[in-house]
Amino acid sequence: MMLYKLLRESRQSEFVPIVISLKTSGSVASRIEELGIPVMSLELDSGVTPFLRALKVLRHVVRTYQPALIQGWMYHGNLAASLSCRLANRLYYGISDRRFSHFQTKNG
């Protein structure tokens, strides 16, 4: 839900966001799509072969769209984003929402 809130408040006139879900698109995906933001689902299963296939797709997406910013969400998303950026020779900066969630809880 935090990703939805972040995207809802973002300035889409300044950039074009795309969301890539490693697993199946969850309930939040439809809400994100209602904002006009495309959601791609890799439907990643456990195992080495599906993971390598997902990295190949992510690398293709990064090379095709050439994003200025790639943000992973949660630990597995950060790992996939950083690896795909490395494979596509792009810069990656990971943000952990753990501190942000703590800040939100602590300060209301």
Foldseek 3Di string as FASTA:
>chain_A
DVVLVVLVPDDVVVDADEAEAAADDDPCQVVSVVVVHHYHYLNADDDDVSLVVLLVVLLVVCLVVVDPADEAEPDVRLVSRVSSCVVNVHDYDYDYCPVVVVVVVVVD
